[in-house]
Amino acid sequence: MTQRCGLLDLPEQEIGFEDLGDGSLIGIQHEGWFLFIPRDFPRKWPPSIEYLISPYTLLAHFYQERGLEGALWVYIHGRWAFFATFAKGRPLFARALELRDERELEERIKEFLSTFYQQEENYFVERIEIFFEPGAIQEDRGVSERLLLPVTFHQVDLQAYCDDPDLASYRIPLREPKGATLSINPRMVLGIGGAILLLLGGYDLYLRYRIDSYQEETTRLALAQQELTQESNLYQSKILKIQQIKPIVTQIIDDNDFLETRIRALFDLVPDDTYLFSFALDGERLLLEGMSRSKESFLGLHRQLLELYPKGEFELTRAAGGWYRFKAIYKKDRG
């Protein structure tokens, strides 16, 4: 069967949340976000391919279809692995990484996670969902144990998703539609001319009717203006009450900004080879739980946290694959 649809397997794809209006880019609007690709991208697909679909569009569809939060979504095609993370119905971070061979997939997953955890908006990845077309890769059942994360492989039929009506508006055509020729019949021209004359006569009657209606509307609006003046006095009273509440709201916002800055500073201390499973900041206490590649890496983090929380204790145990699992609690010293 001839395939009419292909995958847009270009690394030059970006995700944004507003239309850039850039003539050099094509913007494909999704629900709440845009996919941007170069307008002059190379047309390297066979003549039978009429349109393309982006792997990021497919990953967003899989995310919406399965409803899994906290996952890493991966689509593998040829020599490229396309990674994306999603939260609250929208993409957070996406990136394409080259695979010289399929054995590099595990390293590319680690590379993406390391970059993702350094982003301002991130979350702790709890599972990995990998999608591939028949023959693209061999499923590696041991990767879950090595990454210490559940990994699920899904074989997909690209053509079936290309033909899905729910995804039709996200497809990228490779060719302009052919124009149609218009044949004009003289009798049709005469008929259209007569219809236009009748339409003009009816339009004159319609204009006369609308003028009378506008005069009545003017009278009604004058009465409505008197009522609005009375309502305006009531709104002024409500505005005074709002101005009294505003300083309280401002103080709450300032407190939240201070807490956010404090949490971000703590996350900046975490080394690249250390991952947190849980993080709790409760008043003057800080609770951490996670995994570290080495004992020295965790102890370095521990010493830095003691500068902020002088009282601290931890439990460090060796885990599979040479990792170390830790639980730690820190407290402020009240003297």
C-alpha atoms as a PDB file:
ATOM      1  CA  MET A   1       0.000   0.000   0.000  1.00  0.00           C
ATOM      2  CA  THR A   2       1.343   3.429  -0.993  1.00  0.00           C
ATOM      3  CA  GLN A   3       1.992   5.677   1.973  1.00  0.00           C
ATOM      4  CA  ARG A   4       0.663   9.221   1.658  1.00  0.00           C
ATOM      5  CA  CYS A   5       2.101  10.460   4.973  1.00  0.00           C
ATOM      6  CA  GLY A   6       5.623  10.647   6.381  1.00  0.00           C
ATOM      7  CA  LEU A   7       7.280  11.696   9.641  1.00  0.00           C
ATOM      8  CA  LEU A   8       8.877  15.158   9.844  1.00  0.00           C
ATOM      9  CA  ASP A   9      12.201  13.780  11.112  1.00  0.00           C
ATOM     10  CA  LEU A  10      14.054  17.105  11.181  1.00  0.00           C
ATOM     11  CA  PRO A  11      15.916  18.227  14.332  1.00  0.00           C
ATOM     12  CA  GLU A  12      15.087  21.875  13.469  1.00  0.00           C
ATOM     13  CA  GLN A  13      11.709  21.894  15.229  1.00  0.00           C
ATOM     14  CA  GLU A  14      10.841  24.270  18.059  1.00  0.00           C
ATOM     15  CA  ILE A  15       7.946  24.620  20.479  1.00  0.00           C
ATOM     16  CA  GLY A  16       6.479  27.997  21.496  1.00  0.00           C
ATOM     17  CA  PHE A  17       3.375  29.426  23.086  1.00  0.00           C
ATOM     18  CA  GLU A  18       2.612  32.368  20.782  1.00  0.00           C
ATOM     19  CA  ASP A  19       2.668  32.969  17.032  1.00  0.00           C
ATOM     20  CA  LEU A  20       6.034  34.551  16.155  1.00  0.00           C
ATOM     21  CA  GLY A  21       4.782  35.977  12.861  1.00  0.00           C
ATOM     22  CA  ASP A  22       8.196  35.144  11.348  1.00  0.00           C
ATOM     23  CA  GLY A  23       8.054  34.713   7.567  1.00  0.00           C
ATOM     24  CA  SER A  24      10.980  32.267   7.681  1.00  0.00           C
ATOM     25  CA  LEU A  25       9.049  29.806   9.872  1.00  0.00           C
ATOM     26  CA  ILE A  26       5.921  27.708   9.492  1.00  0.00           C
ATOM     27  CA  GLY A  27       3.793  27.691  12.650  1.00  0.00           C
ATOM     28  CA  ILE A  28       1.444  24.734  13.222  1.00  0.00           C
ATOM     29  CA  GLN A  29      -1.034  25.699  15.934  1.00  0.00           C
ATOM     30  CA  HIS A  30      -1.937  23.060  18.519  1.00  0.00           C
ATOM     31  CA  GLU A  31      -4.138  23.375  21.592  1.00  0.00           C
ATOM     32  CA  GLY A  32      -2.343  26.064  23.588  1.00  0.00           C
ATOM     33  CA  TRP A  33       1.037  25.895  21.789  1.00  0.00           C
ATOM     34  CA  PHE A  34       2.766  26.180  18.397  1.00  0.00           C
ATOM     35  CA  LEU A  35       5.205  23.944  16.523  1.00  0.00           C
ATOM     36  CA  PHE A  36       7.672  25.963  14.383  1.00  0.00           C
ATOM     37  CA  ILE A  37       9.717  24.570  11.482  1.00  0.00           C
ATOM     38  CA  PRO A  38      11.813  26.342   8.788  1.00  0.00           C
ATOM     39  CA  ARG A  39       9.699  27.341   5.791  1.00  0.00           C
ATOM     40  CA  ASP A  40      12.482  26.201   3.422  1.00  0.00           C
ATOM     41  CA  PHE A  41      12.967  22.762   4.996  1.00  0.00           C
ATOM     42  CA  PRO A  42      14.316  20.175   2.500  1.00  0.00           C
ATOM     43  CA  ARG A  43      11.711  18.143   0.552  1.00  0.00           C
ATOM     44  CA  LYS A  44      13.532  14.818   0.724  1.00  0.00           C
ATOM     45  CA  TRP A  45      10.508  12.485   0.852  1.00  0.00           C
ATOM     46  CA  PRO A  46       9.311  10.230  -2.034  1.00  0.00           C
ATOM     47  CA  PRO A  47       6.735  11.654  -4.522  1.00  0.00           C
ATOM     48  CA  SER A  48       3.979   9.499  -3.000  1.00  0.00           C
ATOM     49  CA  ILE A  49       4.240  11.391   0.323  1.00  0.00           C
ATOM     50  CA  GLU A  50       1.658  14.208   0.281  1.00  0.00           C
ATOM     51  CA  TYR A  51       1.961  15.500   3.829  1.00  0.00           C
ATOM     52  CA  LEU A  52       4.053  15.154   7.005  1.00  0.00           C
ATOM     53  CA  ILE A  53       3.357  14.959  10.708  1.00  0.00           C
ATOM     54  CA  SER A  54       5.760  15.964  13.478  1.00  0.00           C
ATOM     55  CA  PRO A  55       6.907  13.469  16.123  1.00  0.00           C
ATOM     56  CA  TYR A  56       6.132  16.157  18.740  1.00  0.00           C
ATOM     57  CA  THR A  57       2.516  16.229  17.515  1.00  0.00           C
ATOM     58  CA  LEU A  58       2.354  12.449  17.934  1.00  0.00           C
ATOM     59  CA  LEU A  59       3.933  12.567  21.416  1.00  0.00           C
ATOM     60  CA  ALA A  60       1.424  15.258  22.483  1.00  0.00           C
ATOM     61  CA  HIS A  61      -1.375  13.013  21.174  1.00  0.00           C
ATOM     62  CA  PHE A  62      -0.033   9.996  23.107  1.00  0.00           C
ATOM     63  CA  TYR A  63       0.238  12.148  26.254  1.00  0.00           C
ATOM     64  CA  GLN A  64      -3.373  13.346  25.930  1.00  0.00           C
ATOM     65  CA  GLU A  65      -4.558   9.829  25.035  1.00  0.00           C
ATOM     66  CA  ARG A  66      -2.937   8.113  28.023  1.00  0.00           C
ATOM     67  CA  GLY A  67      -3.232  10.911  30.598  1.00  0.00           C
ATOM     68  CA  LEU A  68       0.105  10.111  32.274  1.00  0.00           C
ATOM     69  CA  GLU A  69       1.699  12.993  34.175  1.00  0.00           C
ATOM     70  CA  GLY A  70       5.352  12.937  35.251  1.00  0.00           C
ATOM     71  CA  ALA A  71       6.529  10.881  32.247  1.00  0.00           C
ATOM     72  CA  LEU A  72       9.246  11.315  29.606  1.00  0.00           C
ATOM     73  CA  TRP A  73       7.920  10.721  26.059  1.00  0.00           C
ATOM     74  CA  VAL A  74      10.245   9.476  23.322  1.00  0.00           C
ATOM     75  CA  TYR A  75       9.669   8.834  19.580  1.00  0.00           C
ATOM     76  CA  ILE A  76      12.401   7.000  17.648  1.00  0.00           C
ATOM     77  CA  HIS A  77      12.654   7.274  13.867  1.00  0.00           C
ATOM     78  CA  GLY A  78      15.756   6.452  11.849  1.00  0.00           C
ATOM     79  CA  ARG A  79      18.818   8.094  13.392  1.00  0.00           C
ATOM     80  CA  TRP A  80      16.865  10.554  15.553  1.00  0.00           C
ATOM     81  CA  ALA A  81      15.259  10.251  18.970  1.00  0.00           C
ATOM     82  CA  PHE A  82      12.702  12.968  19.738  1.00  0.00           C
ATOM     83  CA  PHE A  83      12.189  13.706  23.449  1.00  0.00           C
ATOM     84  CA  ALA A  84       9.370  15.733  25.056  1.00  0.00           C
ATOM     85  CA  THR A  85       7.947  16.402  28.502  1.00  0.00           C
ATOM     86  CA  PHE A  86       4.412  17.617  29.198  1.00  0.00           C
ATOM     87  CA  ALA A  87       2.582  19.027  32.210  1.00  0.00           C
ATOM     88  CA  LYS A  88      -0.971  20.300  32.670  1.00  0.00           C
ATOM     89  CA  GLY A  89      -1.866  19.728  29.040  1.00  0.00           C
ATOM     90  CA  ARG A  90       1.081  21.585  27.444  1.00  0.00           C
ATOM     91  CA  PRO A  91       4.692  20.785  26.465  1.00  0.00           C
ATOM     92  CA  LEU A  92       7.486  21.936  28.796  1.00  0.00           C
ATOM     93  CA  PHE A  93      10.710  20.993  27.003  1.00  0.00           C
ATOM     94  CA  ALA A  94      11.516  19.135  23.761  1.00  0.00           C
ATOM     95  CA  ARG A  95      14.722  18.184  22.024  1.00  0.00           C
ATOM     96  CA  ALA A  96      15.951  15.939  19.175  1.00  0.00           C
ATOM     97  CA  LEU A  97      19.138  13.897  19.771  1.00  0.00           C
ATOM     98  CA  GLU A  98      21.001  11.862  17.174  1.00  0.00           C
ATOM     99  CA  LEU A  99      21.428   8.089  17.559  1.00  0.00           C
ATOM    100  CA  ARG A 100      24.460   6.699  15.763  1.00  0.00           C
ATOM    101  CA  ASP A 101      23.133   3.297  16.752  1.00  0.00           C
ATOM    102  CA  GLU A 102      20.286   2.084  18.951  1.00  0.00           C
ATOM    103  CA  ARG A 103      22.656   1.156  21.794  1.00  0.00           C
ATOM    104  CA  GLU A 104      23.118   4.877  22.394  1.00  0.00           C
ATOM    105  CA  LEU A 105      19.454   5.305  23.398  1.00  0.00           C
ATOM    106  CA  GLU A 106      20.177   4.892  27.129  1.00  0.00           C
ATOM    107  CA  GLU A 107      22.904   7.558  27.030  1.00  0.00           C
ATOM    108  CA  ARG A 108      20.651   9.942  25.096  1.00  0.00           C
ATOM    109  CA  ILE A 109      17.917   9.488  27.729  1.00  0.00           C
ATOM    110  CA  LYS A 110      20.402  10.408  30.473  1.00  0.00           C
ATOM    111  CA  GLU A 111      21.628  13.384  28.426  1.00  0.00           C
ATOM    112  CA  PHE A 112      18.077  14.705  27.962  1.00  0.00           C
ATOM    113  CA  LEU A 113      17.148  14.218  31.638  1.00  0.00           C
ATOM    114  CA  SER A 114      20.278  16.072  32.752  1.00  0.00           C
ATOM    115  CA  THR A 115      19.372  19.042  30.505  1.00  0.00           C
ATOM    116  CA  PHE A 116      15.676  18.936  31.459  1.00  0.00           C
ATOM    117  CA  TYR A 117      16.395  19.035  35.207  1.00  0.00           C
ATOM    118  CA  GLN A 118      18.367  22.251  34.644  1.00  0.00           C
ATOM    119  CA  GLN A 119      15.343  24.015  33.091  1.00  0.00           C
ATOM    120  CA  GLU A 120      13.377  26.538  35.120  1.00  0.00           C
ATOM    121  CA  GLU A 121      10.200  24.512  34.561  1.00  0.00           C
ATOM    122  CA  ASN A 122      10.729  20.815  35.254  1.00  0.00           C
ATOM    123  CA  TYR A 123       9.435  17.864  37.234  1.00  0.00           C
ATOM    124  CA  PHE A 124      10.793  14.548  38.494  1.00  0.00           C
ATOM    125  CA  VAL A 125      10.427  11.988  35.699  1.00  0.00           C
ATOM    126  CA  GLU A 126       8.704   8.912  37.117  1.00  0.00           C
ATOM    127  CA  ARG A 127       8.492   6.745  33.975  1.00  0.00           C
ATOM    128  CA  ILE A 128       9.565   6.660  30.318  1.00  0.00           C
ATOM    129  CA  GLU A 129       7.241   5.913  27.369  1.00  0.00           C
ATOM    130  CA  ILE A 130       9.105   4.976  24.138  1.00  0.00           C
ATOM    131  CA  PHE A 131       7.315   4.798  20.747  1.00  0.00           C
ATOM    132  CA  PHE A 132       8.846   3.339  17.593  1.00  0.00           C
ATOM    133  CA  GLU A 133       7.856   2.063  14.165  1.00  0.00           C
ATOM    134  CA  PRO A 134       8.325  -1.622  13.198  1.00  0.00           C
ATOM    135  CA  GLY A 135      12.007  -2.437  12.790  1.00  0.00           C
ATOM    136  CA  ALA A 136      13.270   0.898  14.175  1.00  0.00           C
ATOM    137  CA  ILE A 137      14.826  -0.576  17.341  1.00  0.00           C
ATOM    138  CA  GLN A 138      14.948  -3.735  19.439  1.00  0.00           C
ATOM    139  CA  GLU A 139      13.190  -3.501  22.797  1.00  0.00           C
ATOM    140  CA  ASP A 140      15.719  -3.478  25.655  1.00  0.00           C
ATOM    141  CA  ARG A 141      13.991  -4.892  28.744  1.00  0.00           C
ATOM    142  CA  GLY A 142      17.040  -4.252  30.926  1.00  0.00           C
ATOM    143  CA  VAL A 143      17.022  -0.505  30.466  1.00  0.00           C
ATOM    144  CA  SER A 144      14.440  -0.044  33.273  1.00  0.00           C
ATOM    145  CA  GLU A 145      16.776  -1.605  35.833  1.00  0.00           C
ATOM    146  CA  ARG A 146      19.770   0.395  34.636  1.00  0.00           C
ATOM    147  CA  LEU A 147      17.903   3.723  34.646  1.00  0.00           C
ATOM    148  CA  LEU A 148      16.019   2.921  37.873  1.00  0.00           C
ATOM    149  CA  LEU A 149      12.804   3.992  36.108  1.00  0.00           C
ATOM    150  CA  PRO A 150       9.906   2.037  34.562  1.00  0.00           C
ATOM    151  CA  VAL A 151      10.337   2.013  30.755  1.00  0.00           C
ATOM    152  CA  THR A 152       7.515   0.939  28.390  1.00  0.00           C
ATOM    153  CA  PHE A 153       8.003   0.304  24.657  1.00  0.00           C
ATOM    154  CA  HIS A 154       5.132   0.889  22.190  1.00  0.00           C
ATOM    155  CA  GLN A 155       5.219  -0.149  18.520  1.00  0.00           C
ATOM    156  CA  VAL A 156       3.107   2.236  16.413  1.00  0.00           C
ATOM    157  CA  ASP A 157       1.627   2.309  12.904  1.00  0.00           C
ATOM    158  CA  LEU A 158       2.569   5.784  11.618  1.00  0.00           C
ATOM    159  CA  GLN A 159       0.106   5.678   8.708  1.00  0.00           C
ATOM    160  CA  ALA A 160      -2.821   4.971  11.052  1.00  0.00           C
ATOM    161  CA  TYR A 161      -2.047   8.077  13.111  1.00  0.00           C
ATOM    162  CA  CYS A 162      -1.501  10.177   9.964  1.00  0.00           C
ATOM    163  CA  ASP A 163      -5.021   9.263   8.829  1.00  0.00           C
ATOM    164  CA  ASP A 164      -6.555   9.967  12.264  1.00  0.00           C
ATOM    165  CA  PRO A 165      -9.170  12.754  11.773  1.00  0.00           C
ATOM    166  CA  ASP A 166      -8.234  14.212  15.187  1.00  0.00           C
ATOM    167  CA  LEU A 167      -4.705  14.909  13.878  1.00  0.00           C
ATOM    168  CA  ALA A 168      -5.621  16.120  10.365  1.00  0.00           C
ATOM    169  CA  SER A 169      -5.298  19.818  11.265  1.00  0.00           C
ATOM    170  CA  TYR A 170      -1.677  19.294  12.410  1.00  0.00           C
ATOM    171  CA  ARG A 171      -0.431  17.765   9.135  1.00  0.00           C
ATOM    172  CA  ILE A 172       2.075  19.682   6.981  1.00  0.00           C
ATOM    173  CA  PRO A 173       1.364  19.538   3.192  1.00  0.00           C
ATOM    174  CA  LEU A 174       4.359  19.005   0.907  1.00  0.00           C
ATOM    175  CA  ARG A 175       2.664  20.403  -2.220  1.00  0.00           C
ATOM    176  CA  GLU A 176       0.342  23.283  -2.977  1.00  0.00           C
ATOM    177  CA  PRO A 177      -3.192  22.206  -3.996  1.00  0.00           C
ATOM    178  CA  LYS A 178      -3.802  22.322  -7.754  1.00  0.00           C
ATOM    179  CA  GLY A 179      -6.005  25.214  -8.929  1.00  0.00           C
ATOM    180  CA  ALA A 180      -9.318  24.544 -10.699  1.00  0.00           C
ATOM    181  CA  THR A 181     -10.508  26.218 -13.916  1.00  0.00           C
ATOM    182  CA  LEU A 182     -13.857  28.019 -13.964  1.00  0.00           C
ATOM    183  CA  SER A 183     -16.219  27.723 -16.956  1.00  0.00           C
ATOM    184  CA  ILE A 184     -18.724  30.605 -17.395  1.00  0.00           C
ATOM    185  CA  ASN A 185     -22.096  30.141 -19.145  1.00  0.00           C
ATOM    186  CA  PRO A 186     -23.589  33.317 -20.798  1.00  0.00           C
ATOM    187  CA  ARG A 187     -27.091  32.434 -19.590  1.00  0.00           C
ATOM    188  CA  MET A 188     -25.705  32.156 -16.091  1.00  0.00           C
ATOM    189  CA  VAL A 189     -24.300  35.692 -16.401  1.00  0.00           C
ATOM    190  CA  LEU A 190     -27.736  37.098 -17.376  1.00  0.00           C
ATOM    191  CA  GLY A 191     -29.383  35.245 -14.510  1.00  0.00           C
ATOM    192  CA  ILE A 192     -26.850  36.555 -12.048  1.00  0.00           C
ATOM    193  CA  GLY A 193     -27.332  40.126 -13.369  1.00  0.00           C
ATOM    194  CA  GLY A 194     -31.092  39.958 -12.831  1.00  0.00           C
ATOM    195  CA  ALA A 195     -30.602  38.586  -9.348  1.00  0.00           C
ATOM    196  CA  ILE A 196     -28.272  41.477  -8.519  1.00  0.00           C
ATOM    197  CA  LEU A 197     -30.914  44.060  -9.599  1.00  0.00           C
ATOM    198  CA  LEU A 198     -33.520  42.384  -7.404  1.00  0.00           C
ATOM    199  CA  LEU A 199     -31.024  42.309  -4.565  1.00  0.00           C
ATOM    200  CA  LEU A 200     -30.319  46.037  -4.884  1.00  0.00           C
ATOM    201  CA  GLY A 201     -34.052  46.872  -4.756  1.00  0.00           C
ATOM    202  CA  GLY A 202     -34.470  44.777  -1.644  1.00  0.00           C
ATOM    203  CA  TYR A 203     -31.403  46.341  -0.084  1.00  0.00           C
ATOM    204  CA  ASP A 204     -32.926  49.859  -0.522  1.00  0.00           C
ATOM    205  CA  LEU A 205     -36.023  48.788   1.401  1.00  0.00           C
ATOM    206  CA  TYR A 206     -33.806  47.212   4.053  1.00  0.00           C
ATOM    207  CA  LEU A 207     -31.837  50.464   4.520  1.00  0.00           C
ATOM    208  CA  ARG A 208     -35.033  52.468   5.077  1.00  0.00           C
ATOM    209  CA  TYR A 209     -36.130  49.980   7.700  1.00  0.00           C
ATOM    210  CA  ARG A 210     -32.742  50.095   9.463  1.00  0.00           C
ATOM    211  CA  ILE A 211     -32.794  53.937   9.638  1.00  0.00           C
ATOM    212  CA  ASP A 212     -36.105  53.832  11.529  1.00  0.00           C
ATOM    213  CA  SER A 213     -34.709  51.153  13.814  1.00  0.00           C
ATOM    214  CA  TYR A 214     -31.601  53.245  14.603  1.00  0.00           C
ATOM    215  CA  GLN A 215     -33.761  56.186  15.675  1.00  0.00           C
ATOM    216  CA  GLU A 216     -35.645  53.957  18.121  1.00  0.00           C
ATOM    217  CA  GLU A 217     -32.343  52.512  19.379  1.00  0.00           C
ATOM    218  CA  THR A 218     -30.993  56.039  20.039  1.00  0.00           C
ATOM    219  CA  THR A 219     -33.953  56.813  22.301  1.00  0.00           C
ATOM    220  CA  ARG A 220     -33.490  53.538  24.189  1.00  0.00           C
ATOM    221  CA  LEU A 221     -29.767  54.184  24.729  1.00  0.00           C
ATOM    222  CA  ALA A 222     -30.463  57.615  26.224  1.00  0.00           C
ATOM    223  CA  LEU A 223     -32.667  55.991  28.877  1.00  0.00           C
ATOM    224  CA  ALA A 224     -30.040  53.300  29.502  1.00  0.00           C
ATOM    225  CA  GLN A 225     -27.373  55.983  30.075  1.00  0.00           C
ATOM    226  CA  GLN A 226     -29.382  57.355  33.010  1.00  0.00           C
ATOM    227  CA  GLU A 227     -29.469  53.888  34.585  1.00  0.00           C
ATOM    228  CA  LEU A 228     -25.700  53.449  34.076  1.00  0.00           C
ATOM    229  CA  THR A 229     -25.008  56.684  35.944  1.00  0.00           C
ATOM    230  CA  GLN A 230     -26.780  55.287  38.995  1.00  0.00           C
ATOM    231  CA  GLU A 231     -24.904  51.975  38.738  1.00  0.00           C
ATOM    232  CA  SER A 232     -21.600  53.869  38.450  1.00  0.00           C
ATOM    233  CA  ASN A 233     -22.023  55.268  41.949  1.00  0.00           C
ATOM    234  CA  LEU A 234     -22.449  51.725  43.256  1.00  0.00           C
ATOM    235  CA  TYR A 235     -19.271  50.558  41.459  1.00  0.00           C
ATOM    236  CA  GLN A 236     -17.250  53.420  42.974  1.00  0.00           C
ATOM    237  CA  SER A 237     -18.171  52.161  46.423  1.00  0.00           C
ATOM    238  CA  LYS A 238     -16.983  48.650  45.513  1.00  0.00           C
ATOM    239  CA  ILE A 239     -13.695  50.023  44.142  1.00  0.00           C
ATOM    240  CA  LEU A 240     -12.950  51.657  47.506  1.00  0.00           C
ATOM    241  CA  LYS A 241     -13.390  48.276  49.216  1.00  0.00           C
ATOM    242  CA  ILE A 242     -11.037  46.624  46.698  1.00  0.00           C
ATOM    243  CA  GLN A 243      -8.349  49.237  47.383  1.00  0.00           C
ATOM    244  CA  GLN A 244      -8.505  48.309  51.080  1.00  0.00           C
ATOM    245  CA  ILE A 245      -7.965  44.615  50.259  1.00  0.00           C
ATOM    246  CA  LYS A 246      -5.149  45.205  47.719  1.00  0.00           C
ATOM    247  CA  PRO A 247      -2.283  45.667  50.299  1.00  0.00           C
ATOM    248  CA  ILE A 248      -3.149  42.283  51.847  1.00  0.00           C
ATOM    249  CA  VAL A 249      -3.003  40.529  48.467  1.00  0.00           C
ATOM    250  CA  THR A 250       0.329  42.235  47.653  1.00  0.00           C
ATOM    251  CA  GLN A 251       1.860  40.938  50.903  1.00  0.00           C
ATOM    252  CA  ILE A 252       0.744  37.369  50.088  1.00  0.00           C
ATOM    253  CA  ILE A 253       2.350  37.595  46.624  1.00  0.00           C
ATOM    254  CA  ASP A 254       5.624  38.885  48.121  1.00  0.00           C
ATOM    255  CA  ASP A 255       5.704  35.981  50.602  1.00  0.00           C
ATOM    256  CA  ASN A 256       5.173  33.479  47.773  1.00  0.00           C
ATOM    257  CA  ASP A 257       7.985  35.045  45.696  1.00  0.00           C
ATOM    258  CA  PHE A 258      10.371  34.750  48.674  1.00  0.00           C
ATOM    259  CA  LEU A 259       9.470  31.065  49.136  1.00  0.00           C
ATOM    260  CA  GLU A 260       9.969  30.361  45.410  1.00  0.00           C
ATOM    261  CA  THR A 261      13.433  31.989  45.479  1.00  0.00           C
ATOM    262  CA  ARG A 262      14.382  29.936  48.517  1.00  0.00           C
ATOM    263  CA  ILE A 263      13.307  26.651  46.899  1.00  0.00           C
ATOM    264  CA  ARG A 264      15.108  27.450  43.643  1.00  0.00           C
ATOM    265  CA  ALA A 265      18.334  28.182  45.550  1.00  0.00           C
ATOM    266  CA  LEU A 266      18.105  24.777  47.229  1.00  0.00           C
ATOM    267  CA  PHE A 267      17.603  22.986  43.891  1.00  0.00           C
ATOM    268  CA  ASP A 268      20.662  24.751  42.431  1.00  0.00           C
ATOM    269  CA  LEU A 269      22.801  22.950  45.045  1.00  0.00           C
ATOM    270  CA  VAL A 270      21.822  19.491  43.736  1.00  0.00           C
ATOM    271  CA  PRO A 271      24.655  18.004  41.539  1.00  0.00           C
ATOM    272  CA  ASP A 272      23.956  16.702  38.028  1.00  0.00           C
ATOM    273  CA  ASP A 273      24.449  13.056  39.098  1.00  0.00           C
ATOM    274  CA  THR A 274      21.993  13.307  41.998  1.00  0.00           C
ATOM    275  CA  TYR A 275      18.205  12.950  41.553  1.00  0.00           C
ATOM    276  CA  LEU A 276      15.513  13.799  44.104  1.00  0.00           C
ATOM    277  CA  PHE A 277      12.436  11.604  44.538  1.00  0.00           C
ATOM    278  CA  SER A 278      10.806  13.831  47.154  1.00  0.00           C
ATOM    279  CA  PHE A 279      11.386  17.334  48.499  1.00  0.00           C
ATOM    280  CA  ALA A 280       9.509  18.967  51.398  1.00  0.00           C
ATOM    281  CA  LEU A 281      10.079  22.375  52.955  1.00  0.00           C
ATOM    282  CA  ASP A 282       8.038  22.498  56.161  1.00  0.00           C
ATOM    283  CA  GLY A 283       8.589  25.684  58.141  1.00  0.00           C
ATOM    284  CA  GLU A 284      12.118  25.411  59.474  1.00  0.00           C
ATOM    285  CA  ARG A 285      12.606  21.803  58.281  1.00  0.00           C
ATOM    286  CA  LEU A 286      13.889  20.434  54.969  1.00  0.00           C
ATOM    287  CA  LEU A 287      13.288  16.786  54.012  1.00  0.00           C
ATOM    288  CA  LEU A 288      15.009  15.127  51.032  1.00  0.00           C
ATOM    289  CA  GLU A 289      14.914  11.666  49.482  1.00  0.00           C
ATOM    290  CA  GLY A 290      16.678  10.554  46.302  1.00  0.00           C
ATOM    291  CA  MET A 291      19.519   8.723  44.519  1.00  0.00           C
ATOM    292  CA  SER A 292      23.171   9.722  43.973  1.00  0.00           C
ATOM    293  CA  ARG A 293      25.765   8.214  41.685  1.00  0.00           C
ATOM    294  CA  SER A 294      28.454   8.388  44.376  1.00  0.00           C
ATOM    295  CA  LYS A 295      28.756   8.768  48.135  1.00  0.00           C
ATOM    296  CA  GLU A 296      31.087  11.763  47.680  1.00  0.00           C
ATOM    297  CA  SER A 297      28.511  13.596  45.553  1.00  0.00           C
ATOM    298  CA  PHE A 298      25.839  13.265  48.237  1.00  0.00           C
ATOM    299  CA  LEU A 299      28.238  14.228  51.034  1.00  0.00           C
ATOM    300  CA  GLY A 300      29.152  17.379  49.091  1.00  0.00           C
ATOM    301  CA  LEU A 301      25.462  18.275  48.906  1.00  0.00           C
ATOM    302  CA  HIS A 302      25.098  17.465  52.613  1.00  0.00           C
ATOM    303  CA  ARG A 303      27.929  19.866  53.587  1.00  0.00           C
ATOM    304  CA  GLN A 304      26.385  22.709  51.587  1.00  0.00           C
ATOM    305  CA  LEU A 305      22.968  22.151  53.162  1.00  0.00           C
ATOM    306  CA  LEU A 306      24.503  22.251  56.656  1.00  0.00           C
ATOM    307  CA  GLU A 307      25.502  25.852  55.967  1.00  0.00           C
ATOM    308  CA  LEU A 308      21.789  26.665  55.624  1.00  0.00           C
ATOM    309  CA  TYR A 309      20.416  24.167  58.132  1.00  0.00           C
ATOM    310  CA  PRO A 310      23.018  23.541  60.894  1.00  0.00           C
ATOM    311  CA  LYS A 311      21.189  20.505  62.271  1.00  0.00           C
ATOM    312  CA  GLY A 312      21.105  17.642  59.787  1.00  0.00           C
ATOM    313  CA  GLU A 313      21.100  13.886  59.749  1.00  0.00           C
ATOM    314  CA  PHE A 314      20.864  11.358  56.925  1.00  0.00           C
ATOM    315  CA  GLU A 315      20.587   7.680  56.081  1.00  0.00           C
ATOM    316  CA  LEU A 316      22.703   6.488  53.106  1.00  0.00           C
ATOM    317  CA  THR A 317      22.324   2.967  51.653  1.00  0.00           C
ATOM    318  CA  ARG A 318      23.831   1.352  48.577  1.00  0.00           C
ATOM    319  CA  ALA A 319      21.397   0.557  45.733  1.00  0.00           C
ATOM    320  CA  ALA A 320      21.573  -1.389  42.451  1.00  0.00           C
ATOM    321  CA  GLY A 321      23.931  -0.296  39.690  1.00  0.00           C
ATOM    322  CA  GLY A 322      26.394   1.413  42.033  1.00  0.00           C
ATOM    323  CA  TRP A 323      23.927   4.107  43.078  1.00  0.00           C
ATOM    324  CA  TYR A 324      23.303   5.329  46.636  1.00  0.00           C
ATOM    325  CA  ARG A 325      19.841   5.961  48.026  1.00  0.00           C
ATOM    326  CA  PHE A 326      19.537   8.629  50.720  1.00  0.00           C
ATOM    327  CA  LYS A 327      16.995  10.096  53.129  1.00  0.00           C
ATOM    328  CA  ALA A 328      17.926  13.283  54.959  1.00  0.00           C
ATOM    329  CA  ILE A 329      16.326  15.822  57.296  1.00  0.00           C
ATOM    330  CA  TYR A 330      17.666  19.270  58.146  1.00  0.00           C
ATOM    331  CA  LYS A 331      16.530  21.823  60.740  1.00  0.00           C
ATOM    332  CA  LYS A 332      17.246  25.427  61.516  1.00  0.00           C
ATOM    333  CA  ASP A 333      19.236  26.008  64.688  1.00  0.00           C
ATOM    334  CA  ARG A 334      17.107  28.134  66.995  1.00  0.00           C
ATOM    335  CA  GLY A 335      19.849  28.284  69.677  1.00  0.00           C
END
